[in-house]
C-alpha cells in the first residue's frame, strides 16, 4: 500500500520531520478504515471514510540497524491511536494501541 498525502495528492515515500497526514491506498484503490480496533482495507467509495494516518520520522533511529530503511512512527487520527510492533507468542505482530 502506498501513502498519498492529503495536502498534495502525490505519492509520498519518505518520512518527514513534521507530522504528515496521509490516506493509505493501494493499486486496487483499497483504503484503510477502522472497524472497532482493527484496520481493514476496503474498496474506496463515496460511502467509505478512510482513516487519516500521520507519518513522522523516528528521531531515535541510532538504535536501529543501518541500511534497513528509515524507521517511522505511524499514528491514526480520530480516534488517536498508534501502530506498534509487539511480540505475541514468539512472533512480531503489528498492533493498534490507544494513545
Foldseek 3Di string as FASTA:
>chain_A
DFWAFPVPRDTDDDAAQDKTKTWDADPQQWTWDDDPFDTDTDHDDPPDDHWIKIKHFDPPCVVPDPPPDTDIWIFTVDQTWTWDWDQDPNDTDIGIGGD
